[in-house]
Amino acid sequence: LKLYFHAFRNDGIFFEAVTNKICDDLGAALKPRQLAVVADWKGRGGITSRITAEWTAPKAARGRR
């Protein structure tokens, strides 16, 4: 998991895009009914951001459990 997170370090990608990618990847791998990822980002220069991404399983996948 640490290496997965570290892979984004040198990508020129916005906080929002990284948070959405992590949420989508976790949703695809874990297949939960619902998932929320809250990321507290501390960028250079003292800029902080709190980004929330939510994921919901497709309706077809919800009934299979």
N, C-alpha and C. Protein backbone atom coordinates (compact mmCIF):
# COMPACT_ATOMS: atom_id res chain seq x y z
N LEU A 1 0.83 -1.18 0.00
CA LEU A 1 0.00 0.00 0.00
C LEU A 1 0.88 1.26 0.00
N LYS A 2 1.95 1.20 0.77
CA LYS A 2 2.88 2.33 0.82
C LYS A 2 3.47 2.60 -0.56
N LEU A 3 3.86 1.57 -1.25
CA LEU A 3 4.44 1.73 -2.59
C LEU A 3 3.40 2.25 -3.58
N TYR A 4 2.15 1.81 -3.43
CA TYR A 4 1.07 2.30 -4.27
C TYR A 4 0.91 3.81 -4.09
N PHE A 5 0.85 4.26 -2.83
CA PHE A 5 0.73 5.69 -2.56
C PHE A 5 1.95 6.46 -3.05
N HIS A 6 3.11 5.89 -2.87
CA HIS A 6 4.36 6.55 -3.29
C HIS A 6 4.44 6.70 -4.81
N ALA A 7 3.75 5.85 -5.55
CA ALA A 7 3.80 5.90 -7.01
C ALA A 7 3.25 7.22 -7.54
N PHE A 8 2.41 7.91 -6.78
CA PHE A 8 1.84 9.18 -7.21
C PHE A 8 2.75 10.37 -6.94
N ARG A 9 3.82 10.14 -6.21
CA ARG A 9 4.67 11.23 -5.74
C ARG A 9 5.22 12.11 -6.86
N ASN A 10 5.69 11.51 -7.91
CA ASN A 10 6.33 12.28 -8.98
C ASN A 10 5.43 12.51 -10.19
N ASP A 11 4.17 12.11 -10.08
CA ASP A 11 3.22 12.39 -11.16
C ASP A 11 2.76 13.83 -11.04
N GLY A 12 2.66 14.52 -12.14
CA GLY A 12 2.13 15.88 -12.14
C GLY A 12 0.62 15.83 -12.13
N ILE A 13 0.03 15.50 -10.99
CA ILE A 13 -1.39 15.26 -10.90
C ILE A 13 -1.97 16.03 -9.70
N PHE A 14 -3.17 16.54 -9.84
CA PHE A 14 -3.80 17.32 -8.79
C PHE A 14 -4.28 16.43 -7.64
N PHE A 15 -4.41 17.02 -6.44
CA PHE A 15 -4.87 16.29 -5.27
C PHE A 15 -6.20 15.60 -5.53
N GLU A 16 -7.11 16.30 -6.19
CA GLU A 16 -8.44 15.75 -6.45
C GLU A 16 -8.37 14.52 -7.33
N ALA A 17 -7.54 14.57 -8.35
CA ALA A 17 -7.41 13.44 -9.28
C ALA A 17 -6.79 12.23 -8.59
N VAL A 18 -5.81 12.45 -7.74
CA VAL A 18 -5.19 11.34 -7.01
C VAL A 18 -6.20 10.70 -6.06
N THR A 19 -6.94 11.52 -5.35
CA THR A 19 -7.94 11.00 -4.42
C THR A 19 -9.00 10.20 -5.15
N ASN A 20 -9.47 10.69 -6.28
CA ASN A 20 -10.46 9.95 -7.07
C ASN A 20 -9.89 8.64 -7.60
N LYS A 21 -8.64 8.64 -8.04
CA LYS A 21 -8.00 7.42 -8.55
C LYS A 21 -7.87 6.38 -7.45
N ILE A 22 -7.45 6.81 -6.26
CA ILE A 22 -7.32 5.90 -5.12
C ILE A 22 -8.68 5.31 -4.77
N CYS A 23 -9.70 6.15 -4.73
CA CYS A 23 -11.06 5.68 -4.42
C CYS A 23 -11.54 4.68 -5.46
N ASP A 24 -11.34 4.97 -6.74
CA ASP A 24 -11.76 4.05 -7.80
C ASP A 24 -11.01 2.73 -7.73
N ASP A 25 -9.70 2.79 -7.49
CA ASP A 25 -8.90 1.57 -7.41
C ASP A 25 -9.30 0.71 -6.21
N LEU A 26 -9.53 1.34 -5.06
CA LEU A 26 -9.96 0.58 -3.88
C LEU A 26 -11.35 -0.01 -4.10
N GLY A 27 -12.24 0.75 -4.72
CA GLY A 27 -13.58 0.24 -5.01
C GLY A 27 -13.55 -0.97 -5.93
N ALA A 28 -12.69 -0.91 -6.94
CA ALA A 28 -12.57 -2.04 -7.87
C ALA A 28 -11.94 -3.26 -7.21
N ALA A 29 -10.96 -3.04 -6.34
CA ALA A 29 -10.26 -4.16 -5.71
C ALA A 29 -11.06 -4.79 -4.56
N LEU A 30 -11.69 -3.97 -3.75
CA LEU A 30 -12.38 -4.47 -2.56
C LEU A 30 -13.84 -4.82 -2.80
N LYS A 31 -14.45 -4.21 -3.81
CA LYS A 31 -15.85 -4.42 -4.17
C LYS A 31 -16.81 -4.22 -2.99
N PRO A 32 -16.70 -3.10 -2.28
CA PRO A 32 -17.65 -2.83 -1.20
C PRO A 32 -18.95 -2.28 -1.76
N ARG A 33 -19.96 -2.19 -0.93
CA ARG A 33 -21.21 -1.55 -1.37
C ARG A 33 -21.01 -0.05 -1.51
N GLN A 34 -20.34 0.52 -0.52
CA GLN A 34 -20.02 1.95 -0.55
C GLN A 34 -18.62 2.15 0.01
N LEU A 35 -17.99 3.24 -0.40
CA LEU A 35 -16.64 3.55 0.05
C LEU A 35 -16.47 5.05 0.06
N ALA A 36 -15.84 5.57 1.09
CA ALA A 36 -15.50 6.99 1.15
C ALA A 36 -14.02 7.11 1.49
N VAL A 37 -13.31 7.91 0.74
CA VAL A 37 -11.90 8.18 0.98
C VAL A 37 -11.76 9.66 1.30
N VAL A 38 -11.18 9.95 2.46
CA VAL A 38 -10.92 11.32 2.85
C VAL A 38 -9.41 11.49 2.92
N ALA A 39 -8.88 12.38 2.10
CA ALA A 39 -7.44 12.59 2.04
C ALA A 39 -7.09 13.98 2.54
N ASP A 40 -6.19 14.05 3.50
CA ASP A 40 -5.66 15.32 3.99
C ASP A 40 -4.31 15.52 3.33
N TRP A 41 -4.25 16.44 2.39
CA TRP A 41 -3.04 16.70 1.63
C TRP A 41 -2.31 17.90 2.22
N LYS A 42 -1.00 17.77 2.33
CA LYS A 42 -0.15 18.86 2.80
C LYS A 42 0.93 19.08 1.76
N GLY A 43 0.65 19.98 0.85
CA GLY A 43 1.58 20.26 -0.24
C GLY A 43 2.68 21.21 0.18
N ARG A 44 3.55 21.45 -0.72
CA ARG A 44 4.65 22.38 -0.45
C ARG A 44 4.11 23.79 -0.30
N GLY A 45 4.78 24.58 0.50
CA GLY A 45 4.39 25.96 0.68
C GLY A 45 3.30 26.16 1.70
N GLY A 46 3.01 25.14 2.51
CA GLY A 46 2.02 25.27 3.56
C GLY A 46 0.58 25.17 3.09
N ILE A 47 0.36 24.76 1.86
CA ILE A 47 -1.00 24.63 1.34
C ILE A 47 -1.56 23.27 1.76
N THR A 48 -2.74 23.30 2.37
CA THR A 48 -3.38 22.05 2.77
C THR A 48 -4.74 21.94 2.10
N SER A 49 -5.15 20.72 1.84
CA SER A 49 -6.45 20.44 1.24
C SER A 49 -7.01 19.17 1.84
N ARG A 50 -8.32 19.16 2.04
CA ARG A 50 -9.02 17.94 2.46
C ARG A 50 -9.99 17.59 1.33
N ILE A 51 -9.74 16.45 0.70
CA ILE A 51 -10.52 16.01 -0.45
C ILE A 51 -11.29 14.74 -0.04
N THR A 52 -12.57 14.71 -0.35
CA THR A 52 -13.40 13.53 -0.08
C THR A 52 -13.91 12.97 -1.40
N ALA A 53 -13.73 11.66 -1.58
CA ALA A 53 -14.23 10.97 -2.77
C ALA A 53 -15.10 9.82 -2.29
N GLU A 54 -16.23 9.64 -2.94
CA GLU A 54 -17.15 8.56 -2.59
C GLU A 54 -17.35 7.63 -3.78
N TRP A 55 -17.52 6.36 -3.47
CA TRP A 55 -17.70 5.33 -4.50
C TRP A 55 -18.88 4.46 -4.07
N THR A 56 -19.75 4.16 -5.01
CA THR A 56 -20.89 3.27 -4.77
C THR A 56 -20.87 2.17 -5.82
N ALA A 57 -21.10 0.95 -5.37
CA ALA A 57 -21.11 -0.18 -6.29
C ALA A 57 -22.22 -0.01 -7.32
N PRO A 58 -21.99 -0.47 -8.54
CA PRO A 58 -23.06 -0.45 -9.55
C PRO A 58 -24.26 -1.24 -9.05
N LYS A 59 -25.46 -0.86 -9.47
CA LYS A 59 -26.68 -1.51 -9.00
C LYS A 59 -26.69 -3.00 -9.27
N ALA A 60 -26.15 -3.45 -10.39
CA ALA A 60 -26.13 -4.88 -10.74
C ALA A 60 -25.26 -5.65 -9.75
N ALA A 61 -24.18 -5.06 -9.28
CA ALA A 61 -23.25 -5.75 -8.38
C ALA A 61 -23.78 -5.79 -6.95
N ARG A 62 -24.67 -4.89 -6.57
CA ARG A 62 -25.17 -4.83 -5.19
C ARG A 62 -26.03 -6.05 -4.85
N GLY A 63 -26.77 -6.57 -5.79
CA GLY A 63 -27.67 -7.68 -5.52
C GLY A 63 -27.01 -9.04 -5.51
N ARG A 64 -25.75 -9.13 -5.85
CA ARG A 64 -25.07 -10.42 -5.97
C ARG A 64 -24.61 -11.00 -4.65
N ARG A 65 -24.63 -10.26 -3.58
CA ARG A 65 -24.08 -10.76 -2.31
C ARG A 65 -24.96 -11.75 -1.69
